PDB file of N, CA and C in Angstrom:
ATOM      1  N   MET A   1     -21.186  69.318  47.862  1.00  0.00           N
ATOM      2  CA  MET A   1     -20.948  68.060  49.427  1.00  0.00           C
ATOM      3  C   MET A   1     -20.949  67.499  48.959  1.00  0.00           C
ATOM      4  N   ASN A   2     -20.058  66.303  49.277  1.00  0.00           N
ATOM      5  CA  ASN A   2     -20.169  64.930  49.352  1.00  0.00           C
ATOM      6  C   ASN A   2     -20.066  64.224  50.979  1.00  0.00           C
ATOM      7  N   VAL A   3     -20.555  63.292  51.401  1.00  0.00           N
ATOM      8  CA  VAL A   3     -20.682  62.975  52.864  1.00  0.00           C
ATOM      9  C   VAL A   3     -20.308  61.857  52.808  1.00  0.00           C
ATOM     10  N   VAL A   4     -19.236  60.921  53.997  1.00  0.00           N
ATOM     11  CA  VAL A   4     -19.205  60.225  53.813  1.00  0.00           C
ATOM     12  C   VAL A   4     -19.632  59.597  54.723  1.00  0.00           C
ATOM     13  N   LEU A   5     -19.914  57.493  54.709  1.00  0.00           N
ATOM     14  CA  LEU A   5     -21.052  57.503  55.926  1.00  0.00           C
ATOM     15  C   LEU A   5     -19.745  56.331  56.027  1.00  0.00           C
ATOM     16  N   PRO A   6     -19.953  55.787  57.707  1.00  0.00           N
ATOM     17  CA  PRO A   6     -18.884  54.658  58.037  1.00  0.00           C
ATOM     18  C   PRO A   6     -19.375  53.538  57.521  1.00  0.00           C
ATOM     19  N   PRO A   7     -18.895  52.500  57.821  1.00  0.00           N
ATOM     20  CA  PRO A   7     -19.308  51.347  56.919  1.00  0.00           C
ATOM     21  C   PRO A   7     -20.393  51.246  58.223  1.00  0.00           C
ATOM     22  N   LEU A   8     -21.136  50.069  57.624  1.00  0.00           N
ATOM     23  CA  LEU A   8     -22.141  49.264  58.753  1.00  0.00           C
ATOM     24  C   LEU A   8     -21.473  48.572  59.547  1.00  0.00           C
ATOM     25  N   LYS A   9     -21.840  48.301  60.735  1.00  0.00           N
ATOM     26  CA  LYS A   9     -21.357  46.815  61.663  1.00  0.00           C
ATOM     27  C   LYS A   9     -22.354  45.989  61.329  1.00  0.00           C
ATOM     28  N   VAL A  10     -21.710  44.378  60.759  1.00  0.00           N
ATOM     29  CA  VAL A  10     -22.495  43.094  60.883  1.00  0.00           C
ATOM     30  C   VAL A  10     -22.092  42.339  62.305  1.00  0.00           C
ATOM     31  N   THR A  11     -22.981  42.295  63.167  1.00  0.00           N
ATOM     32  CA  THR A  11     -23.025  41.793  64.313  1.00  0.00           C
ATOM     33  C   THR A  11     -24.054  39.831  64.193  1.00  0.00           C
ATOM     34  N   ALA A  12     -22.985  39.277  64.260  1.00  0.00           N
ATOM     35  CA  ALA A  12     -23.625  37.843  64.491  1.00  0.00           C
ATOM     36  C   ALA A  12     -24.716  37.703  65.154  1.00  0.00           C
ATOM     37  N   VAL A  13     -25.439  36.410  63.936  1.00  0.00           N
ATOM     38  CA  VAL A  13     -26.645  36.305  65.262  1.00  0.00           C
ATOM     39  C   VAL A  13     -26.661  34.826  65.148  1.00  0.00           C
ATOM     40  N   ALA A  14     -26.500  34.730  66.071  1.00  0.00           N
ATOM     41  CA  ALA A  14     -26.614  33.182  67.345  1.00  0.00           C
ATOM     42  C   ALA A  14     -27.775  32.528  66.686  1.00  0.00           C
ATOM     43  N   PRO A  15     -27.106  30.828  66.096  1.00  0.00           N
ATOM     44  CA  PRO A  15     -28.354  30.535  65.369  1.00  0.00           C
ATOM     45  C   PRO A  15     -29.695  29.964  67.170  1.00  0.00           C
ATOM     46  N   VAL A  16     -30.571  29.482  66.042  1.00  0.00           N
ATOM     47  CA  VAL A  16     -31.927  29.353  66.573  1.00  0.00           C
ATOM     48  C   VAL A  16     -31.999  27.504  67.518  1.00  0.00           C
ATOM     49  N   LYS A  17     -32.197  27.823  68.984  1.00  0.00           N
ATOM     50  CA  LYS A  17     -31.471  26.314  69.767  1.00  0.00           C
ATOM     51  C   LYS A  17     -33.070  25.936  69.584  1.00  0.00           C
ATOM     52  N   PHE A  18     -32.819  24.779  69.467  1.00  0.00           N
ATOM     53  CA  PHE A  18     -33.708  23.438  69.566  1.00  0.00           C
ATOM     54  C   PHE A  18     -34.534  23.379  70.654  1.00  0.00           C
ATOM     55  N   VAL A  19     -35.498  22.875  71.021  1.00  0.00           N
ATOM     56  CA  VAL A  19     -35.959  22.290  71.850  1.00  0.00           C
ATOM     57  C   VAL A  19     -36.204  21.406  71.912  1.00  0.00           C
ATOM     58  N   PRO A  20     -35.859  20.298  72.962  1.00  0.00           N
ATOM     59  CA  PRO A  20     -35.401  19.010  73.097  1.00  0.00           C
ATOM     60  C   PRO A  20     -36.924  18.410  73.180  1.00  0.00           C
ATOM     61  N   LEU A  21     -36.772  17.107  72.661  1.00  0.00           N
ATOM     62  CA  LEU A  21     -38.197  16.357  72.329  1.00  0.00           C
ATOM     63  C   LEU A  21     -38.345  15.186  73.260  1.00  0.00           C
ATOM     64  N   ILE A  22     -38.859  15.265  74.362  1.00  0.00           N
ATOM     65  CA  ILE A  22     -39.080  13.807  75.494  1.00  0.00           C
ATOM     66  C   ILE A  22     -40.408  12.894  74.992  1.00  0.00           C
ATOM     67  N   VAL A  23     -40.221  12.051  74.485  1.00  0.00           N
ATOM     68  CA  VAL A  23     -41.694  11.898  74.249  1.00  0.00           C
ATOM     69  C   VAL A  23     -41.628  10.329  75.277  1.00  0.00           C
ATOM     70  N   THR A  24     -42.535   9.900  76.152  1.00  0.00           N
ATOM     71  CA  THR A  24     -42.953   8.541  76.505  1.00  0.00           C
ATOM     72  C   THR A  24     -44.423   8.078  76.497  1.00  0.00           C
ATOM     73  N   LEU A  25     -43.920   6.768  75.595  1.00  0.00           N
ATOM     74  CA  LEU A  25     -44.786   5.940  75.001  1.00  0.00           C
ATOM     75  C   LEU A  25     -45.825   4.865  75.275  1.00  0.00           C
ATOM     76  N   VAL A  26     -44.530   4.717  76.751  1.00  0.00           N
ATOM     77  CA  VAL A  26     -45.600   4.090  77.820  1.00  0.00           C
ATOM     78  C   VAL A  26     -45.201   4.064  79.292  1.00  0.00           C
ATOM     79  N   PRO A  27     -46.253   4.220  79.834  1.00  0.00           N
ATOM     80  CA  PRO A  27     -46.121   4.749  81.186  1.00  0.00           C
ATOM     81  C   PRO A  27     -45.291   4.008  82.111  1.00  0.00           C
ATOM     82  N   THR A  28     -44.540   4.301  83.197  1.00  0.00           N
ATOM     83  CA  THR A  28     -43.867   3.178  83.420  1.00  0.00           C
ATOM     84  C   THR A  28     -44.248   3.815  85.070  1.00  0.00           C
ATOM     85  N   GLY A  29     -44.685   2.237  86.064  1.00  0.00           N
ATOM     86  CA  GLY A  29     -44.362   2.408  87.523  1.00  0.00           C
ATOM     87  C   GLY A  29     -43.031   2.220  88.048  1.00  0.00           C
ATOM     88  N   PRO A  30     -42.977   1.974  89.465  1.00  0.00           N
ATOM     89  CA  PRO A  30     -41.707   2.234  89.682  1.00  0.00           C
ATOM     90  C   PRO A  30     -41.367   0.294  89.759  1.00  0.00           C
ATOM     91  N   LEU A  31     -39.827   0.176  89.741  1.00  0.00           N
ATOM     92  CA  LEU A  31     -39.640  -0.860  89.957  1.00  0.00           C
ATOM     93  C   LEU A  31     -39.954  -1.674  90.726  1.00  0.00           C
ATOM     94  N   VAL A  32     -40.121  -3.042  90.469  1.00  0.00           N
ATOM     95  CA  VAL A  32     -40.477  -3.685  90.999  1.00  0.00           C
ATOM     96  C   VAL A  32     -39.143  -4.813  92.187  1.00  0.00           C
ATOM     97  N   GLY A  33     -39.628  -4.282  93.078  1.00  0.00           N
ATOM     98  CA  GLY A  33     -38.657  -4.106  94.511  1.00  0.00           C
ATOM     99  C   GLY A  33     -37.909  -3.310  94.588  1.00  0.00           C
ATOM    100  N   VAL A  34     -37.852  -1.899  94.290  1.00  0.00           N
ATOM    101  CA  VAL A  34     -37.088  -0.611  94.340  1.00  0.00           C
ATOM    102  C   VAL A  34     -37.507   0.210  95.382  1.00  0.00           C
ATOM    103  N   LYS A  35     -36.784   0.144  97.011  1.00  0.00           N
ATOM    104  CA  LYS A  35     -38.054   1.344  97.640  1.00  0.00           C
ATOM    105  C   LYS A  35     -36.890   2.108  98.364  1.00  0.00           C
ATOM    106  N   PRO A  36     -37.426   3.289  98.363  1.00  0.00           N
ATOM    107  CA  PRO A  36     -37.053   4.148  98.890  1.00  0.00           C
ATOM    108  C   PRO A  36     -36.292   4.031 100.019  1.00  0.00           C
ATOM    109  N   VAL A  37     -35.133   4.153 100.338  1.00  0.00           N
ATOM    110  CA  VAL A  37     -34.482   3.960 101.794  1.00  0.00           C
ATOM    111  C   VAL A  37     -34.853   5.317 102.821  1.00  0.00           C
ATOM    112  N   ILE A  38     -35.082   4.836 103.742  1.00  0.00           N
ATOM    113  CA  ILE A  38     -35.317   5.754 105.489  1.00  0.00           C
ATOM    114  C   ILE A  38     -34.586   5.961 105.881  1.00  0.00           C
ATOM    115  N   VAL A  39     -34.275   6.883 106.425  1.00  0.00           N
ATOM    116  CA  VAL A  39     -32.912   6.367 107.239  1.00  0.00           C
ATOM    117  C   VAL A  39     -33.862   7.412 108.464  1.00  0.00           C
ATOM    118  N   GLY A  40     -33.710   7.637 109.707  1.00  0.00           N
ATOM    119  CA  GLY A  40     -33.085   8.373 111.133  1.00  0.00           C
ATOM    120  C   GLY A  40     -34.347   7.535 112.237  1.00  0.00           C
ATOM    121  N   ALA A  41     -35.695   7.131 111.716  1.00  0.00           N
ATOM    122  CA  ALA A  41     -36.480   6.412 112.730  1.00  0.00           C
ATOM    123  C   ALA A  41     -37.028   5.139 112.603  1.00  0.00           C
ATOM    124  N   LEU A  42     -37.771   4.695 113.083  1.00  0.00           N
ATOM    125  CA  LEU A  42     -38.023   3.276 112.864  1.00  0.00           C
ATOM    126  C   LEU A  42     -40.004   3.551 112.629  1.00  0.00           C
ATOM    127  N   THR A  43     -40.586   4.280 113.417  1.00  0.00           N
ATOM    128  CA  THR A  43     -41.734   5.231 112.974  1.00  0.00           C
ATOM    129  C   THR A  43     -41.778   6.669 112.324  1.00  0.00           C
ATOM    130  N   THR A  44     -42.872   6.460 111.997  1.00  0.00           N
ATOM    131  CA  THR A  44     -43.281   8.275 112.151  1.00  0.00           C
ATOM    132  C   THR A  44     -44.703   8.828 112.520  1.00  0.00           C
ATOM    133  N   VAL A  45     -44.533   9.575 113.481  1.00  0.00           N
ATOM    134  CA  VAL A  45     -45.875  10.223 113.697  1.00  0.00           C
ATOM    135  C   VAL A  45     -46.360  11.705 112.558  1.00  0.00           C
ATOM    136  N   ASN A  46     -47.759  10.864 112.175  1.00  0.00           N
ATOM    137  CA  ASN A  46     -48.106  11.856 111.590  1.00  0.00           C
ATOM    138  C   ASN A  46     -49.232  13.383 112.139  1.00  0.00           C
ATOM    139  N   ALA A  47     -49.407  13.312 113.432  1.00  0.00           N
ATOM    140  CA  ALA A  47     -49.939  14.013 114.432  1.00  0.00           C
ATOM    141  C   ALA A  47     -50.246  14.050 115.423  1.00  0.00           C
ATOM    142  N   PRO A  48     -49.578  15.373 116.727  1.00  0.00           N
ATOM    143  CA  PRO A  48     -49.731  15.245 118.181  1.00  0.00           C
ATOM    144  C   PRO A  48     -50.986  14.502 118.618  1.00  0.00           C
ATOM    145  N   LEU A  49     -50.378  14.274 119.566  1.00  0.00           N
ATOM    146  CA  LEU A  49     -51.693  13.232 120.276  1.00  0.00           C
ATOM    147  C   LEU A  49     -52.484  14.060 121.044  1.00  0.00           C
ATOM    148  N   LEU A  50     -53.591  13.551 120.984  1.00  0.00           N
ATOM    149  CA  LEU A  50     -54.705  15.142 121.705  1.00  0.00           C
ATOM    150  C   LEU A  50     -55.051  14.628 122.832  1.00  0.00           C
ATOM    151  N   VAL A  51     -55.083  15.655 123.599  1.00  0.00           N
ATOM    152  CA  VAL A  51     -55.119  15.635 125.174  1.00  0.00           C
ATOM    153  C   VAL A  51     -56.011  15.966 125.972  1.00  0.00           C
ATOM    154  N   ALA A  52     -56.918  15.235 126.599  1.00  0.00           N
ATOM    155  CA  ALA A  52     -58.370  15.856 127.106  1.00  0.00           C
ATOM    156  C   ALA A  52     -57.596  17.138 128.113  1.00  0.00           C
ATOM    157  N   VAL A  53     -58.217  18.315 128.401  1.00  0.00           N
ATOM    158  CA  VAL A  53     -57.467  19.439 128.738  1.00  0.00           C
ATOM    159  C   VAL A  53     -59.011  19.566 130.315  1.00  0.00           C
ATOM    160  N   PRO A  54     -58.194  20.144 131.334  1.00  0.00           N
ATOM    161  CA  PRO A  54     -59.343  20.062 132.231  1.00  0.00           C
ATOM    162  C   PRO A  54     -60.186  21.577 132.121  1.00  0.00           C
ATOM    163  N   PRO A  55     -61.249  21.391 131.985  1.00  0.00           N
ATOM    164  CA  PRO A  55     -62.615  22.772 131.767  1.00  0.00           C
ATOM    165  C   PRO A  55     -61.675  24.599 132.327  1.00  0.00           C
ATOM    166  N   GLY A  56     -61.392  24.125 133.630  1.00  0.00           N
ATOM    167  CA  GLY A  56     -60.691  25.287 134.172  1.00  0.00           C
ATOM    168  C   GLY A  56     -59.583  26.422 132.592  1.00  0.00           C
ATOM    169  N   VAL A  57     -59.002  25.506 131.936  1.00  0.00           N
ATOM    170  CA  VAL A  57     -57.838  26.092 131.439  1.00  0.00           C
ATOM    171  C   VAL A  57     -58.941  26.148 130.120  1.00  0.00           C
ATOM    172  N   VAL A  58     -59.564  25.948 129.346  1.00  0.00           N
ATOM    173  CA  VAL A  58     -60.122  26.212 128.304  1.00  0.00           C
ATOM    174  C   VAL A  58     -60.804  27.299 128.095  1.00  0.00           C
ATOM    175  N   THR A  59     -60.696  28.268 126.759  1.00  0.00           N
ATOM    176  CA  THR A  59     -61.356  29.569 126.984  1.00  0.00           C
ATOM    177  C   THR A  59     -62.288  29.501 125.570  1.00  0.00           C
ATOM    178  N   LEU A  60     -63.579  29.875 125.858  1.00  0.00           N
ATOM    179  CA  LEU A  60     -64.432  29.677 124.697  1.00  0.00           C
ATOM    180  C   LEU A  60     -64.401  31.442 124.415  1.00  0.00           C
ATOM    181  N   ASN A  61     -64.432  31.021 123.115  1.00  0.00           N
ATOM    182  CA  ASN A  61     -64.394  32.080 122.134  1.00  0.00           C
ATOM    183  C   ASN A  61     -64.667  32.323 120.826  1.00  0.00           C
ATOM    184  N   GLY A  62     -66.150  33.635 120.552  1.00  0.00           N
ATOM    185  CA  GLY A  62     -66.796  33.795 119.418  1.00  0.00           C
ATOM    186  C   GLY A  62     -66.419  34.838 118.713  1.00  0.00           C
ATOM    187  N   PRO A  63     -67.680  34.691 117.178  1.00  0.00           N
ATOM    188  CA  PRO A  63     -67.091  36.049 116.500  1.00  0.00           C
ATOM    189  C   PRO A  63     -67.602  37.070 117.075  1.00  0.00           C
ATOM    190  N   VAL A  64     -66.417  37.818 116.301  1.00  0.00           N
ATOM    191  CA  VAL A  64     -66.234  39.359 116.789  1.00  0.00           C
ATOM    192  C   VAL A  64     -66.875  40.421 116.347  1.00  0.00           C
ATOM    193  N   VAL A  65     -67.965  40.904 116.736  1.00  0.00           N
ATOM    194  CA  VAL A  65     -68.824  42.062 116.134  1.00  0.00           C
ATOM    195  C   VAL A  65     -68.778  43.149 115.705  1.00  0.00           C
ATOM    196  N   ALA A  66     -68.139  44.115 115.251  1.00  0.00           N
ATOM    197  CA  ALA A  66     -68.179  45.493 115.046  1.00  0.00           C
ATOM    198  C   ALA A  66     -69.254  46.387 115.520  1.00  0.00           C
ATOM    199  N   PRO A  67     -69.538  47.350 116.514  1.00  0.00           N
ATOM    200  CA  PRO A  67     -70.198  47.991 116.987  1.00  0.00           C
ATOM    201  C   PRO A  67     -71.448  48.890 115.239  1.00  0.00           C
ATOM    202  N   VAL A  68     -72.207  48.802 115.930  1.00  0.00           N
ATOM    203  CA  VAL A  68     -73.217  49.587 114.911  1.00  0.00           C
ATOM    204  C   VAL A  68     -72.963  50.937 114.558  1.00  0.00           C
ATOM    205  N   GLY A  69     -72.835  50.864 113.390  1.00  0.00           N
ATOM    206  CA  GLY A  69     -72.285  52.584 113.313  1.00  0.00           C
ATOM    207  C   GLY A  69     -70.885  51.982 112.557  1.00  0.00           C
ATOM    208  N   THR A  70     -69.980  51.052 112.737  1.00  0.00           N
ATOM    209  CA  THR A  70     -68.879  50.986 111.622  1.00  0.00           C
ATOM    210  C   THR A  70     -68.563  50.804 110.556  1.00  0.00           C
ATOM    211  N   VAL A  71     -67.688  51.508 109.771  1.00  0.00           N
ATOM    212  CA  VAL A  71     -68.045  51.229 108.335  1.00  0.00           C
ATOM    213  C   VAL A  71     -66.452  51.474 108.154  1.00  0.00           C
ATOM    214  N   ALA A  72     -66.438  50.343 106.978  1.00  0.00           N
ATOM    215  CA  ALA A  72     -65.177  49.148 106.762  1.00  0.00           C
ATOM    216  C   ALA A  72     -64.094  50.407 105.570  1.00  0.00           C
TER     217      ALA A  72
END
C-alpha cells in the first residue's frame, strides 16, 4: 500500500528589519535666542502662600500605637 502525502506548504519569511543607527557626535544645547513660548499668564506660582492659623483651629495628633497583644 502506497501512502500519498500532501505537498508541504511554503510560507514566505519576512525580511529582518534593520535597527536605525542614530549617532550624535557633539552634544548640542539650545539655540541662542530660541526660547519656548509661554501662553496664559504673566507670572507663575510655585506654591500656595502659607497663612497663620489661630490656635483653636489646629488639631495636634501623633502616632497611633496598637494595644499590647495586637498581632499583625
